[in-house]
Amino acid sequence: MVRRKLQLLLLLKPLDDYAVAAQSHGLPRIANPQILHHLDSRSKVHREAIRFCQNVLRRKLVDWEPILRDNVSQPIRNVDMVVTVGGDGTLLHASHFVDDSIPLLGVNSDPTQVAEVEEFGNQYDATRSTGFLCAATVDNFEQILDDILEGQLQPSELSRISICVNSAPLSAYALNDVLVAHQCPAAVSRFSFRIKRNGQSCSPAVNCRSSGLRVSTAAGSTAAMLSAGGYQMPILSRDLQYMVREPISPGAASNLMHGFLNPDQNMEVAWFGKEGVIYIDGCNVCYTVKDEDTLEISSSKAPVLKVYLPPRLLEKRVLPIRRTSDAEKLKVSRL
């Protein structure tokens, strides 16, 4: 029996020179030679990682095609796997174009070097790519790929977030988080939300004036949610975590400003204001909302994302959960 060649898509972070790219985004011209050296090094390391991955694929029983992530604008189909070479941003970009049938393998092309940070961290930002969801680097890419091709490694399933606006589903699913806010970050957002199960309310309506509402998956709980005071969730959790950003005079509702949604629950949000934006996984995927629009946010209507994860993320451990939020979650689940 002849073994069918697997079809792979190699999705690449753009090859732009880091220093040139920084200046093209309106940042001041860089004159510090150490910073220029750092940025030039990042460009070279990324290019070398791409060449390395391509050379590995040429030796394997696979058919593959390279494409820059910026050139992907339609759903990805007819491939067995997508290999992303870049960082978490490239993997996030790929996630917006795949369903639950195509797994992703992330290769962190430019991981942070501890010695470099220790030596230069007090002079400039010497960090590189975090690659939180990337299972591979150039050091282990071939071994991980072999394990996948031989069926010895299986992808994990990560929850995503679906959003409906006035009962119409948006085409993009969030892997990290959803932020609903005014298009001007200095403006006040006005909205209300309630938690529902099977169409029935299981929490009181909460009226908010704030800088917006963020809802994250477990994968996104280590990003903006954690920075804002939220908590890291086990990576395979099906729960969602929400937080009202900078609430103004929440009063008695203060203990409802941060909490969790079970997989069988959804959040209904009513937006009150002329100008609102739904940001999905950052600022690259956006949808506008207007006064009296109703949003439904849930994980149950979104297909999971299959990802080969780093083993460190799959370790069983107890992570801290804020006591008040945990108690509120239990209270809501019993109503």
Protein backbone atom coordinates (compact mmCIF):
# COMPACT_ATOMS: atom_id res chain seq x y z
CA MET A 1 0.00 0.00 0.00
CA VAL A 2 1.43 3.35 -1.08
CA ARG A 3 1.43 5.95 1.67
CA ARG A 4 -0.18 9.23 0.66
CA LYS A 5 1.99 12.29 0.96
CA LEU A 6 0.74 14.75 3.51
CA GLN A 7 -0.10 18.23 2.31
CA LEU A 8 1.43 20.98 4.45
CA LEU A 9 1.12 24.74 4.32
CA LEU A 10 4.15 26.65 5.59
CA LEU A 11 2.85 29.99 6.86
CA LEU A 12 5.63 32.56 7.29
CA LYS A 13 5.98 35.75 9.25
CA PRO A 14 7.00 38.54 6.83
CA LEU A 15 10.70 38.79 6.08
CA ASP A 16 10.92 42.58 6.54
CA ASP A 17 14.01 43.96 8.18
CA TYR A 18 13.01 44.71 11.79
CA ALA A 19 14.62 48.16 11.89
CA VAL A 20 13.06 49.20 8.56
CA ALA A 21 9.68 47.81 9.63
CA ALA A 22 9.80 49.71 12.94
CA GLN A 23 10.46 52.99 11.17
CA SER A 24 7.76 52.32 8.56
CA HIS A 25 5.24 52.14 11.43
CA GLY A 26 6.00 55.73 12.42
CA LEU A 27 8.55 55.05 15.14
CA PRO A 28 11.53 57.42 15.45
CA ARG A 29 14.65 56.63 13.44
CA ILE A 30 16.85 54.27 15.42
CA ALA A 31 20.37 55.55 15.99
CA ASN A 32 21.57 53.39 18.89
CA PRO A 33 24.01 50.89 17.32
CA GLN A 34 23.22 48.23 19.93
CA ILE A 35 19.52 48.38 19.14
CA LEU A 36 20.24 48.28 15.41
CA HIS A 37 22.44 45.24 15.94
CA HIS A 38 19.68 43.58 17.98
CA LEU A 39 17.06 44.22 15.29
CA ASP A 40 19.38 43.10 12.51
CA SER A 41 20.11 39.92 14.47
CA ARG A 42 16.38 39.24 14.80
CA SER A 43 15.91 39.52 11.03
CA LYS A 44 18.80 37.16 10.34
CA VAL A 45 17.66 34.58 12.92
CA HIS A 46 14.14 34.58 11.47
CA ARG A 47 15.41 34.14 7.91
CA GLU A 48 17.70 31.31 8.98
CA ALA A 49 14.81 29.60 10.76
CA ILE A 50 12.72 29.72 7.59
CA ARG A 51 15.54 28.22 5.54
CA PHE A 52 16.07 25.54 8.17
CA CYS A 53 12.40 24.51 8.22
CA GLN A 54 12.24 24.43 4.44
CA ASN A 55 15.34 22.21 4.26
CA VAL A 56 13.80 19.82 6.79
CA LEU A 57 10.55 19.61 4.82
CA ARG A 58 12.44 18.83 1.62
CA ARG A 59 13.73 15.64 3.24
CA LYS A 60 10.30 14.42 4.40
CA LEU A 61 7.51 12.52 2.70
CA VAL A 62 5.33 15.62 2.44
CA ASP A 63 4.19 18.10 -0.17
CA TRP A 64 4.38 21.65 1.08
CA GLU A 65 3.88 25.19 -0.06
CA PRO A 66 5.27 28.35 1.57
CA ILE A 67 3.15 31.49 1.86
CA LEU A 68 3.53 34.76 3.74
CA ARG A 69 0.85 35.20 6.39
CA ASP A 70 -0.14 38.61 4.96
CA ASN A 71 -1.14 36.89 1.72
CA VAL A 72 -3.73 34.66 3.40
CA SER A 73 -7.22 36.13 3.17
CA GLN A 74 -9.44 33.09 2.52
CA PRO A 75 -10.17 29.95 4.56
CA ILE A 76 -7.36 27.40 4.41
CA ARG A 77 -8.52 24.09 2.95
CA ASN A 78 -7.14 20.94 1.31
CA VAL A 79 -4.11 20.64 3.58
CA ASP A 80 -3.38 18.19 6.38
CA MET A 81 -1.52 20.63 8.61
CA VAL A 82 -0.35 24.22 8.83
CA VAL A 83 3.18 24.92 10.08
CA THR A 84 3.64 28.54 11.16
CA VAL A 85 7.12 30.05 11.35
CA GLY A 86 7.26 33.23 13.42
CA GLY A 87 5.71 33.56 16.83
CA ASP A 88 2.32 33.64 18.52
CA GLY A 89 1.14 36.37 16.16
CA THR A 90 1.65 34.15 13.13
CA LEU A 91 -0.11 31.23 14.80
CA LEU A 92 -3.00 33.53 15.80
CA HIS A 93 -3.27 34.75 12.22
CA ALA A 94 -3.46 31.18 10.94
CA SER A 95 -6.14 30.30 13.49
CA HIS A 96 -8.54 32.76 11.87
CA PHE A 97 -8.51 30.78 8.62
CA VAL A 98 -8.82 27.15 9.78
CA ASP A 99 -11.65 25.08 11.19
CA ASP A 100 -11.35 22.16 13.59
CA SER A 101 -10.07 19.73 10.93
CA ILE A 102 -6.62 21.22 10.30
CA PRO A 103 -4.05 21.19 13.14
CA LEU A 104 -1.42 23.89 13.62
CA LEU A 105 2.22 23.50 14.57
CA GLY A 106 3.94 26.69 15.61
CA VAL A 107 7.69 27.19 15.18
CA ASN A 108 9.13 30.03 17.25
CA SER A 109 11.68 31.39 14.79
CA ASP A 110 13.27 33.94 17.12
CA PRO A 111 13.04 32.87 20.79
CA THR A 112 14.19 35.19 23.53
CA GLN A 113 17.77 34.60 24.65
CA VAL A 114 18.19 34.77 28.42
CA ALA A 115 21.86 35.80 28.26
CA GLU A 116 21.04 38.65 25.88
CA VAL A 117 18.28 39.96 28.15
CA GLU A 118 20.55 39.78 31.20
CA GLU A 119 23.31 41.69 29.42
CA PHE A 120 21.30 44.37 27.61
CA GLY A 121 17.90 44.40 29.35
CA ASN A 122 18.71 47.60 31.28
CA GLN A 123 19.57 49.44 28.04
CA TYR A 124 16.74 48.43 25.71
CA ASP A 125 14.02 45.81 25.29
CA ALA A 126 16.15 42.79 24.47
CA THR A 127 13.29 40.27 24.45
CA ARG A 128 12.46 38.52 21.24
CA SER A 129 9.49 36.24 20.51
CA THR A 130 7.58 34.66 23.39
CA GLY A 131 6.13 31.82 21.33
CA PHE A 132 3.83 30.74 24.17
CA LEU A 133 1.78 28.42 21.93
CA CYS A 134 4.66 27.34 19.70
CA ALA A 135 5.79 23.76 20.34
CA ALA A 136 8.87 23.93 18.15
CA THR A 137 12.06 25.87 17.55
CA VAL A 138 14.83 25.06 15.10
CA ASP A 139 16.32 22.87 17.82
CA ASN A 140 13.45 20.37 17.90
CA PHE A 141 11.39 21.03 14.76
CA GLU A 142 12.55 17.93 12.87
CA GLN A 143 11.98 15.62 15.83
CA ILE A 144 8.48 17.00 16.48
CA LEU A 145 7.63 16.77 12.79
CA ASP A 146 8.81 13.14 12.69
CA ASP A 147 6.68 12.33 15.75
CA ILE A 148 3.65 13.88 14.05
CA LEU A 149 4.23 12.07 10.76
CA GLU A 150 4.63 8.76 12.60
CA GLY A 151 1.43 9.31 14.59
CA GLN A 152 3.22 9.49 17.93
CA LEU A 153 2.10 13.05 18.71
CA GLN A 154 -1.48 14.26 18.76
CA PRO A 155 -2.75 17.86 18.77
CA SER A 156 -4.58 19.39 21.70
CA GLU A 157 -7.95 21.09 21.37
CA LEU A 158 -8.15 24.72 22.43
CA SER A 159 -11.40 26.60 22.99
CA ARG A 160 -12.25 29.58 20.84
CA ILE A 161 -14.84 32.33 21.17
CA SER A 162 -17.74 32.95 18.83
CA ILE A 163 -19.52 36.30 18.59
CA CYS A 164 -22.98 36.99 17.21
CA VAL A 165 -24.16 40.54 16.59
CA ASN A 166 -27.95 40.84 16.51
CA SER A 167 -28.08 37.02 16.11
CA ALA A 168 -25.77 37.09 13.05
CA PRO A 169 -22.50 35.19 13.65
CA LEU A 170 -19.22 36.90 12.83
CA SER A 171 -16.94 34.97 10.50
CA ALA A 172 -13.87 35.12 12.75
CA TYR A 173 -13.35 33.19 15.97
CA ALA A 174 -11.09 34.43 18.74
CA LEU A 175 -8.33 32.17 20.00
CA ASN A 176 -7.07 34.62 22.64
CA ASP A 177 -9.69 37.18 23.51
CA VAL A 178 -12.44 39.55 22.49
CA LEU A 179 -12.48 43.22 23.50
CA VAL A 180 -15.63 45.31 23.09
CA ALA A 181 -14.87 49.00 23.52
CA HIS A 182 -15.24 52.50 22.14
CA GLN A 183 -13.05 53.11 19.11
CA CYS A 184 -11.31 55.89 21.06
CA PRO A 185 -9.45 54.39 24.05
CA ALA A 186 -9.98 57.57 26.08
CA ALA A 187 -13.77 57.48 25.69
CA VAL A 188 -16.20 55.84 28.09
CA SER A 189 -18.00 52.70 26.93
CA ARG A 190 -21.58 52.12 28.07
CA PHE A 191 -23.02 48.63 27.97
CA SER A 192 -24.80 46.01 30.02
CA PHE A 193 -24.31 42.28 30.20
CA ARG A 194 -25.90 39.20 31.71
CA ILE A 195 -24.96 35.53 31.79
CA LYS A 196 -27.43 33.07 30.28
CA ARG A 197 -27.85 29.32 30.05
CA ASN A 198 -30.21 27.68 27.56
CA GLY A 199 -31.72 31.05 26.81
CA GLN A 200 -32.51 31.77 30.44
CA SER A 201 -30.76 34.38 32.57
CA CYS A 202 -28.69 32.97 35.41
CA SER A 203 -27.22 36.27 36.60
CA PRO A 204 -28.58 39.79 37.08
CA ALA A 205 -28.09 42.39 34.38
CA VAL A 206 -24.96 44.43 35.05
CA ASN A 207 -24.90 48.01 33.77
CA CYS A 208 -21.42 49.34 33.11
CA ARG A 209 -19.55 52.50 32.35
CA SER A 210 -15.95 51.58 31.72
CA SER A 211 -13.19 51.39 29.13
CA GLY A 212 -14.65 48.19 27.71
CA LEU A 213 -15.30 44.50 28.24
CA ARG A 214 -12.74 41.75 27.64
CA VAL A 215 -13.53 38.03 27.38
CA SER A 216 -10.68 35.54 27.05
CA THR A 217 -10.18 31.84 26.46
CA ALA A 218 -7.80 29.75 28.54
CA ALA A 219 -5.13 30.29 25.88
CA GLY A 220 -5.65 34.04 26.07
CA SER A 221 -5.73 34.21 29.86
CA THR A 222 -1.95 34.68 29.95
CA ALA A 223 -2.05 37.70 27.65
CA ALA A 224 -3.98 40.95 28.19
CA MET A 225 -6.29 39.33 30.74
CA LEU A 226 -3.39 38.44 33.02
CA SER A 227 -1.83 41.88 32.58
CA ALA A 228 -5.10 43.50 33.63
CA GLY A 229 -5.28 41.49 36.87
CA GLY A 230 -6.98 38.33 35.67
CA TYR A 231 -5.70 34.82 36.22
CA GLN A 232 -4.05 32.16 34.14
CA MET A 233 -6.32 29.23 33.41
CA PRO A 234 -5.35 25.63 32.61
CA ILE A 235 -4.68 25.64 28.89
CA LEU A 236 -7.32 23.00 28.07
CA SER A 237 -10.07 24.60 30.15
CA ARG A 238 -13.35 25.12 28.30
CA ASP A 239 -14.32 28.05 30.53
CA LEU A 240 -14.13 31.68 29.45
CA GLN A 241 -12.94 34.48 31.71
CA TYR A 242 -14.37 37.99 31.50
CA MET A 243 -13.38 41.33 32.97
CA VAL A 244 -14.89 44.79 32.81
CA ARG A 245 -11.96 47.13 32.20
CA GLU A 246 -11.59 50.07 34.57
CA PRO A 247 -15.21 50.18 35.76
CA ILE A 248 -16.49 53.57 36.91
CA SER A 249 -18.22 53.46 40.31
CA PRO A 250 -19.35 49.81 40.09
CA GLY A 251 -20.86 49.96 43.58
CA ALA A 252 -22.64 46.79 44.67
CA ALA A 253 -21.88 45.15 41.32
CA SER A 254 -18.11 45.25 41.88
CA ASN A 255 -17.95 41.51 42.51
CA LEU A 256 -19.52 40.93 39.06
CA MET A 257 -16.85 42.89 37.18
CA HIS A 258 -14.65 39.79 36.82
CA GLY A 259 -15.78 36.20 36.52
CA PHE A 260 -16.07 33.03 34.48
CA LEU A 261 -18.45 31.42 32.00
CA ASN A 262 -19.00 27.69 31.93
CA PRO A 263 -19.07 25.99 28.49
CA ASP A 264 -22.88 25.76 28.66
CA GLN A 265 -23.23 29.48 29.39
CA ASN A 266 -23.04 32.52 27.15
CA MET A 267 -22.80 36.24 27.75
CA GLU A 268 -25.35 38.62 26.29
CA VAL A 269 -24.07 42.18 25.89
CA ALA A 270 -26.18 45.22 25.01
CA TRP A 271 -24.13 48.10 23.62
CA PHE A 272 -25.19 51.70 24.26
CA GLY A 273 -23.25 54.22 22.24
CA LYS A 274 -22.76 55.47 18.69
CA GLU A 275 -19.25 54.14 18.12
CA GLY A 276 -18.10 50.72 19.27
CA VAL A 277 -15.64 48.15 18.05
CA ILE A 278 -15.24 44.41 18.58
CA TYR A 279 -11.54 43.59 18.57
CA ILE A 280 -10.72 39.92 17.97
CA ASP A 281 -7.25 38.75 19.05
CA GLY A 282 -5.85 42.28 19.02
CA CYS A 283 -6.47 45.04 16.51
CA ASN A 284 -6.10 43.20 13.19
CA VAL A 285 -9.64 41.76 13.10
CA CYS A 286 -12.32 44.34 13.95
CA TYR A 287 -16.07 44.74 13.61
CA THR A 288 -18.13 47.82 14.39
CA VAL A 289 -21.15 47.90 16.69
CA LYS A 290 -23.71 50.64 17.12
CA ASP A 291 -26.25 51.80 19.67
CA GLU A 292 -28.59 49.07 20.94
CA ASP A 293 -26.76 46.26 19.16
CA THR A 294 -26.86 42.97 21.06
CA LEU A 295 -23.87 40.65 21.22
CA GLU A 296 -23.77 37.00 22.18
CA ILE A 297 -20.36 35.71 23.30
CA SER A 298 -19.76 32.01 23.91
CA SER A 299 -17.38 29.11 23.36
CA SER A 300 -19.95 26.42 22.61
CA LYS A 301 -20.69 27.72 19.10
CA ALA A 302 -17.03 28.03 18.09
CA PRO A 303 -15.07 25.09 16.65
CA VAL A 304 -12.06 24.09 18.71
CA LEU A 305 -8.59 24.78 17.35
CA LYS A 306 -6.24 21.82 17.09
CA VAL A 307 -2.69 22.79 18.06
CA TYR A 308 0.45 20.86 18.87
CA LEU A 309 1.35 22.45 22.20
CA PRO A 310 4.62 22.65 24.15
CA PRO A 311 4.69 19.93 26.85
CA ARG A 312 5.11 22.56 29.59
CA LEU A 313 1.59 23.83 28.91
CA LEU A 314 0.09 20.39 29.39
CA GLU A 315 1.55 19.79 32.82
CA LYS A 316 -1.16 19.19 35.41
CA ARG A 317 -0.95 21.90 38.01
CA VAL A 318 -3.24 24.02 40.13
CA LEU A 319 -3.34 27.65 39.05
CA PRO A 320 -4.47 30.55 41.23
CA ILE A 321 -8.07 31.68 40.86
CA ARG A 322 -9.36 34.77 42.60
CA ARG A 323 -11.54 33.63 45.47
CA THR A 324 -14.35 36.12 44.86
CA SER A 325 -14.57 35.20 41.18
CA ASP A 326 -14.58 31.51 41.98
CA ALA A 327 -17.36 31.99 44.51
CA GLU A 328 -19.34 34.04 42.04
CA LYS A 329 -18.90 31.34 39.43
CA LEU A 330 -20.30 28.74 41.80
CA LYS A 331 -23.16 31.02 42.74
CA VAL A 332 -24.10 31.61 39.08
CA SER A 333 -23.84 27.90 38.21
CA ARG A 334 -26.35 27.02 40.92
CA LEU A 335 -28.97 29.53 39.84
